[in-house]
Amino acid sequence: MKKFQSMGELALYLLRANAPNELKKTATENMQAVEETNHGGAEAYLIIAESKAEAKQVEREYALSNCTPECSKIINTLDGAYWKQSIFVFSDDGGGIIYFERIPLLDEK
């Protein structure tokens, strides 16, 4: 799993990963909310899972199957894959994660 708290970290990943434009745009827009939450004193992350192994890692760390997202949407990247974006808020101070999961997930890396 790729876990980010700053725009610089995300930008470097997106550049190296050659991510689709639709994912770049949506993740970059959401990274601003993560940074603002962290500057406000809460703990937030933007997480990207591309493979089954990474999705399992996210589940182990956050137990998302026991959580209901505040909102969720599907992003069509027009390259044969979709990305599910889900926002999970875990505390009253706004801490949580914005989670992107590739659909279909790639096999173990």
N, C-alpha and C. Protein backbone atom coordinates (compact mmCIF):
# COMPACT_ATOMS: atom_id res chain seq x y z
N MET A 1 0.85 -1.17 0.00
CA MET A 1 0.00 0.00 0.00
C MET A 1 0.89 1.23 0.00
N LYS A 2 0.41 2.24 -0.64
CA LYS A 2 1.12 3.51 -0.65
C LYS A 2 0.34 4.47 0.24
N LYS A 3 1.04 5.10 1.17
CA LYS A 3 0.40 5.92 2.20
C LYS A 3 1.05 7.30 2.18
N PHE A 4 0.23 8.35 2.05
CA PHE A 4 0.75 9.69 1.89
C PHE A 4 0.12 10.67 2.87
N GLN A 5 0.93 11.65 3.32
CA GLN A 5 0.42 12.74 4.15
C GLN A 5 0.71 14.10 3.55
N SER A 6 1.44 14.14 2.44
CA SER A 6 1.75 15.45 1.85
C SER A 6 1.64 15.39 0.33
N MET A 7 1.43 16.55 -0.26
CA MET A 7 1.31 16.66 -1.70
C MET A 7 2.61 16.25 -2.38
N GLY A 8 3.75 16.57 -1.77
CA GLY A 8 5.04 16.20 -2.35
C GLY A 8 5.21 14.70 -2.47
N GLU A 9 4.84 13.97 -1.41
CA GLU A 9 4.93 12.50 -1.43
C GLU A 9 4.04 11.92 -2.53
N LEU A 10 2.81 12.43 -2.61
CA LEU A 10 1.86 11.94 -3.60
C LEU A 10 2.34 12.26 -5.02
N ALA A 11 2.80 13.48 -5.24
CA ALA A 11 3.24 13.88 -6.57
C ALA A 11 4.39 13.01 -7.07
N LEU A 12 5.32 12.70 -6.19
CA LEU A 12 6.45 11.85 -6.55
C LEU A 12 5.97 10.45 -6.94
N TYR A 13 5.05 9.90 -6.17
CA TYR A 13 4.50 8.58 -6.49
C TYR A 13 3.77 8.61 -7.84
N LEU A 14 2.89 9.60 -8.05
CA LEU A 14 2.11 9.67 -9.27
C LEU A 14 3.00 9.81 -10.50
N LEU A 15 4.08 10.53 -10.36
CA LEU A 15 5.02 10.70 -11.46
C LEU A 15 5.72 9.37 -11.77
N ARG A 16 6.21 8.71 -10.76
CA ARG A 16 6.95 7.45 -10.94
C ARG A 16 6.03 6.31 -11.39
N ALA A 17 4.79 6.31 -10.92
CA ALA A 17 3.87 5.21 -11.21
C ALA A 17 3.20 5.36 -12.57
N ASN A 18 3.38 6.50 -13.21
CA ASN A 18 2.72 6.75 -14.49
C ASN A 18 1.21 6.52 -14.36
N ALA A 19 0.64 7.09 -13.32
CA ALA A 19 -0.78 6.90 -13.00
C ALA A 19 -1.67 7.56 -14.05
N PRO A 20 -2.86 7.01 -14.28
CA PRO A 20 -3.81 7.60 -15.23
C PRO A 20 -4.21 9.02 -14.80
N ASN A 21 -4.50 9.87 -15.77
CA ASN A 21 -4.83 11.27 -15.49
C ASN A 21 -6.01 11.44 -14.53
N GLU A 22 -7.03 10.61 -14.68
CA GLU A 22 -8.21 10.73 -13.83
C GLU A 22 -7.86 10.45 -12.37
N LEU A 23 -7.00 9.46 -12.15
CA LEU A 23 -6.57 9.16 -10.78
C LEU A 23 -5.70 10.28 -10.24
N LYS A 24 -4.78 10.79 -11.05
CA LYS A 24 -3.91 11.89 -10.63
C LYS A 24 -4.74 13.08 -10.17
N LYS A 25 -5.73 13.44 -10.99
CA LYS A 25 -6.56 14.62 -10.70
C LYS A 25 -7.34 14.43 -9.40
N THR A 26 -8.00 13.31 -9.25
CA THR A 26 -8.83 13.07 -8.06
C THR A 26 -7.97 12.95 -6.80
N ALA A 27 -6.86 12.21 -6.89
CA ALA A 27 -6.00 12.04 -5.72
C ALA A 27 -5.39 13.38 -5.30
N THR A 28 -4.97 14.18 -6.27
CA THR A 28 -4.38 15.49 -5.96
C THR A 28 -5.40 16.40 -5.28
N GLU A 29 -6.62 16.41 -5.78
CA GLU A 29 -7.67 17.22 -5.15
C GLU A 29 -7.92 16.78 -3.71
N ASN A 30 -7.92 15.48 -3.48
CA ASN A 30 -8.18 14.96 -2.14
C ASN A 30 -7.00 15.11 -1.20
N MET A 31 -5.81 15.18 -1.76
CA MET A 31 -4.62 15.34 -0.91
C MET A 31 -4.66 16.67 -0.17
N GLN A 32 -5.26 17.67 -0.77
CA GLN A 32 -5.38 18.97 -0.11
C GLN A 32 -6.18 18.83 1.19
N ALA A 33 -7.25 18.05 1.16
CA ALA A 33 -8.06 17.83 2.37
C ALA A 33 -7.25 17.09 3.44
N VAL A 34 -6.43 16.13 3.02
CA VAL A 34 -5.59 15.39 3.97
C VAL A 34 -4.60 16.34 4.63
N GLU A 35 -3.95 17.18 3.84
CA GLU A 35 -2.98 18.13 4.40
C GLU A 35 -3.65 19.10 5.36
N GLU A 36 -4.82 19.62 5.00
CA GLU A 36 -5.53 20.55 5.88
C GLU A 36 -5.93 19.88 7.18
N THR A 37 -6.36 18.63 7.11
CA THR A 37 -6.73 17.89 8.32
C THR A 37 -5.52 17.72 9.23
N ASN A 38 -4.38 17.36 8.64
CA ASN A 38 -3.16 17.18 9.42
C ASN A 38 -2.67 18.49 10.03
N HIS A 39 -2.78 19.59 9.28
CA HIS A 39 -2.38 20.89 9.82
C HIS A 39 -3.29 21.32 10.97
N GLY A 40 -4.52 20.81 10.98
CA GLY A 40 -5.46 21.12 12.04
C GLY A 40 -5.25 20.29 13.30
N GLY A 41 -4.31 19.35 13.26
CA GLY A 41 -4.00 18.57 14.45
C GLY A 41 -4.50 17.14 14.43
N ALA A 42 -5.29 16.77 13.44
CA ALA A 42 -5.76 15.39 13.35
C ALA A 42 -4.77 14.58 12.51
N GLU A 43 -4.99 13.28 12.42
CA GLU A 43 -4.12 12.42 11.63
C GLU A 43 -4.92 11.84 10.47
N ALA A 44 -4.49 12.17 9.24
CA ALA A 44 -5.17 11.70 8.04
C ALA A 44 -4.14 11.24 7.02
N TYR A 45 -4.57 10.31 6.18
CA TYR A 45 -3.71 9.77 5.13
C TYR A 45 -4.51 9.59 3.85
N LEU A 46 -3.83 9.65 2.74
CA LEU A 46 -4.37 9.22 1.46
C LEU A 46 -3.64 7.91 1.16
N ILE A 47 -4.42 6.86 0.91
CA ILE A 47 -3.85 5.52 0.71
C ILE A 47 -4.27 5.00 -0.66
N ILE A 48 -3.32 4.39 -1.35
CA ILE A 48 -3.58 3.79 -2.65
C ILE A 48 -3.18 2.31 -2.60
N ALA A 49 -4.12 1.44 -2.97
CA ALA A 49 -3.85 0.01 -3.06
C ALA A 49 -4.07 -0.44 -4.49
N GLU A 50 -3.03 -0.99 -5.10
CA GLU A 50 -3.12 -1.46 -6.48
C GLU A 50 -3.27 -2.98 -6.57
N SER A 51 -2.79 -3.69 -5.57
CA SER A 51 -2.77 -5.16 -5.64
C SER A 51 -3.58 -5.76 -4.50
N LYS A 52 -3.81 -7.06 -4.63
CA LYS A 52 -4.53 -7.79 -3.58
C LYS A 52 -3.75 -7.74 -2.27
N ALA A 53 -2.43 -7.86 -2.37
CA ALA A 53 -1.59 -7.82 -1.16
C ALA A 53 -1.70 -6.47 -0.47
N GLU A 54 -1.71 -5.40 -1.24
CA GLU A 54 -1.82 -4.06 -0.64
C GLU A 54 -3.19 -3.86 -0.02
N ALA A 55 -4.24 -4.35 -0.66
CA ALA A 55 -5.59 -4.23 -0.09
C ALA A 55 -5.70 -5.01 1.22
N LYS A 56 -5.06 -6.17 1.28
CA LYS A 56 -5.05 -6.95 2.52
C LYS A 56 -4.31 -6.20 3.63
N GLN A 57 -3.24 -5.54 3.26
CA GLN A 57 -2.47 -4.76 4.23
C GLN A 57 -3.32 -3.61 4.80
N VAL A 58 -4.07 -2.94 3.93
CA VAL A 58 -4.96 -1.86 4.37
C VAL A 58 -6.02 -2.43 5.32
N GLU A 59 -6.58 -3.58 4.96
CA GLU A 59 -7.60 -4.20 5.81
C GLU A 59 -7.02 -4.57 7.18
N ARG A 60 -5.80 -5.11 7.21
CA ARG A 60 -5.18 -5.47 8.49
C ARG A 60 -4.97 -4.23 9.36
N GLU A 61 -4.55 -3.15 8.74
CA GLU A 61 -4.23 -1.95 9.51
C GLU A 61 -5.47 -1.17 9.95
N TYR A 62 -6.49 -1.12 9.10
CA TYR A 62 -7.65 -0.27 9.39
C TYR A 62 -8.97 -1.01 9.59
N ALA A 63 -9.03 -2.31 9.34
CA ALA A 63 -10.26 -3.11 9.48
C ALA A 63 -11.43 -2.43 8.78
N LEU A 64 -11.24 -2.06 7.53
CA LEU A 64 -12.25 -1.31 6.79
C LEU A 64 -13.53 -2.11 6.55
N SER A 65 -13.45 -3.43 6.57
CA SER A 65 -14.66 -4.23 6.37
C SER A 65 -15.65 -4.01 7.51
N ASN A 66 -15.17 -3.47 8.63
CA ASN A 66 -16.04 -3.17 9.77
C ASN A 66 -16.48 -1.71 9.80
N CYS A 67 -16.11 -0.95 8.78
CA CYS A 67 -16.40 0.49 8.74
C CYS A 67 -17.30 0.83 7.56
N THR A 68 -18.06 1.89 7.73
CA THR A 68 -18.87 2.41 6.64
C THR A 68 -18.25 3.71 6.17
N PRO A 69 -17.97 3.83 4.88
CA PRO A 69 -17.37 5.08 4.40
C PRO A 69 -18.36 6.23 4.45
N GLU A 70 -17.82 7.43 4.65
CA GLU A 70 -18.65 8.63 4.60
C GLU A 70 -19.20 8.82 3.19
N CYS A 71 -18.38 8.51 2.20
CA CYS A 71 -18.82 8.53 0.81
C CYS A 71 -17.90 7.63 0.00
N SER A 72 -18.38 7.24 -1.15
CA SER A 72 -17.64 6.33 -2.01
C SER A 72 -18.04 6.61 -3.45
N LYS A 73 -17.06 6.50 -4.37
CA LYS A 73 -17.38 6.66 -5.78
C LYS A 73 -16.40 5.86 -6.61
N ILE A 74 -16.79 5.58 -7.84
CA ILE A 74 -15.96 4.83 -8.78
C ILE A 74 -15.42 5.81 -9.82
N ILE A 75 -14.11 5.69 -10.09
CA ILE A 75 -13.45 6.54 -11.07
C ILE A 75 -13.04 5.66 -12.24
N ASN A 76 -13.52 6.01 -13.45
CA ASN A 76 -13.14 5.28 -14.66
C ASN A 76 -11.91 5.96 -15.24
N THR A 77 -10.80 5.23 -15.30
CA THR A 77 -9.56 5.83 -15.81
C THR A 77 -9.35 5.56 -17.29
N LEU A 78 -10.32 4.93 -17.93
CA LEU A 78 -10.31 4.70 -19.38
C LEU A 78 -9.11 3.89 -19.85
N ASP A 79 -8.49 3.13 -18.96
CA ASP A 79 -7.35 2.29 -19.35
C ASP A 79 -7.62 0.83 -19.03
N GLY A 80 -8.89 0.47 -18.88
CA GLY A 80 -9.25 -0.90 -18.57
C GLY A 80 -9.40 -1.17 -17.09
N ALA A 81 -9.15 -0.16 -16.27
CA ALA A 81 -9.28 -0.31 -14.82
C ALA A 81 -10.18 0.79 -14.28
N TYR A 82 -10.72 0.54 -13.13
CA TYR A 82 -11.48 1.53 -12.38
C TYR A 82 -10.80 1.68 -11.04
N TRP A 83 -11.11 2.75 -10.34
CA TRP A 83 -10.60 2.97 -8.99
C TRP A 83 -11.79 3.32 -8.11
N LYS A 84 -11.86 2.68 -6.96
CA LYS A 84 -12.91 3.00 -5.99
C LYS A 84 -12.29 3.94 -4.96
N GLN A 85 -12.91 5.08 -4.80
CA GLN A 85 -12.46 6.04 -3.79
C GLN A 85 -13.45 6.01 -2.63
N SER A 86 -12.94 5.83 -1.43
CA SER A 86 -13.78 5.82 -0.23
C SER A 86 -13.15 6.72 0.82
N ILE A 87 -13.99 7.47 1.52
CA ILE A 87 -13.51 8.35 2.59
C ILE A 87 -14.02 7.80 3.92
N PHE A 88 -13.07 7.53 4.82
CA PHE A 88 -13.38 7.01 6.14
C PHE A 88 -12.92 8.03 7.19
N VAL A 89 -13.84 8.45 8.05
CA VAL A 89 -13.51 9.35 9.15
C VAL A 89 -13.56 8.53 10.42
N PHE A 90 -12.44 8.50 11.14
CA PHE A 90 -12.34 7.65 12.32
C PHE A 90 -12.48 8.40 13.64
N SER A 91 -12.43 9.74 13.61
CA SER A 91 -12.50 10.48 14.88
C SER A 91 -13.23 11.80 14.68
N ASP A 92 -13.67 12.37 15.78
CA ASP A 92 -14.40 13.64 15.73
C ASP A 92 -13.56 14.80 15.23
N ASP A 93 -12.24 14.69 15.34
CA ASP A 93 -11.37 15.77 14.87
C ASP A 93 -11.13 15.72 13.36
N GLY A 94 -11.74 14.75 12.69
CA GLY A 94 -11.62 14.66 11.23
C GLY A 94 -10.57 13.68 10.76
N GLY A 95 -9.87 13.05 11.67
CA GLY A 95 -8.85 12.08 11.30
C GLY A 95 -9.44 10.89 10.57
N GLY A 96 -8.69 10.37 9.62
CA GLY A 96 -9.17 9.22 8.87
C GLY A 96 -8.33 9.00 7.63
N ILE A 97 -8.93 8.34 6.65
CA ILE A 97 -8.21 8.07 5.41
C ILE A 97 -9.09 8.32 4.20
N ILE A 98 -8.44 8.68 3.12
CA ILE A 98 -9.07 8.67 1.80
C ILE A 98 -8.38 7.53 1.07
N TYR A 99 -9.17 6.54 0.70
CA TYR A 99 -8.64 5.26 0.22
C TYR A 99 -9.02 5.04 -1.24
N PHE A 100 -8.01 4.79 -2.05
CA PHE A 100 -8.20 4.45 -3.46
C PHE A 100 -7.79 3.00 -3.67
N GLU A 101 -8.70 2.21 -4.24
CA GLU A 101 -8.43 0.80 -4.50
C GLU A 101 -8.70 0.50 -5.97
N ARG A 102 -7.70 -0.09 -6.62
CA ARG A 102 -7.83 -0.43 -8.04
C ARG A 102 -8.84 -1.57 -8.20
N ILE A 103 -9.68 -1.47 -9.23
CA ILE A 103 -10.65 -2.51 -9.54
C ILE A 103 -10.44 -2.91 -11.00
N PRO A 104 -10.12 -4.11 -11.34
CA PRO A 104 -9.85 -5.20 -10.40
C PRO A 104 -8.46 -5.03 -9.79
N LEU A 105 -8.30 -5.56 -8.58
CA LEU A 105 -6.99 -5.55 -7.93
C LEU A 105 -6.04 -6.44 -8.70
N LEU A 106 -4.80 -6.03 -8.80
CA LEU A 106 -3.80 -6.84 -9.46
C LEU A 106 -3.40 -8.00 -8.58
N ASP A 107 -2.87 -9.06 -9.18
CA ASP A 107 -2.38 -10.19 -8.39
C ASP A 107 -1.22 -9.75 -7.53
N GLU A 108 -0.87 -10.60 -6.59
CA GLU A 108 0.21 -10.30 -5.64
C GLU A 108 1.46 -9.85 -6.37
N LYS A 109 2.10 -8.83 -5.81
CA LYS A 109 3.34 -8.34 -6.39
C LYS A 109 4.51 -8.87 -5.63
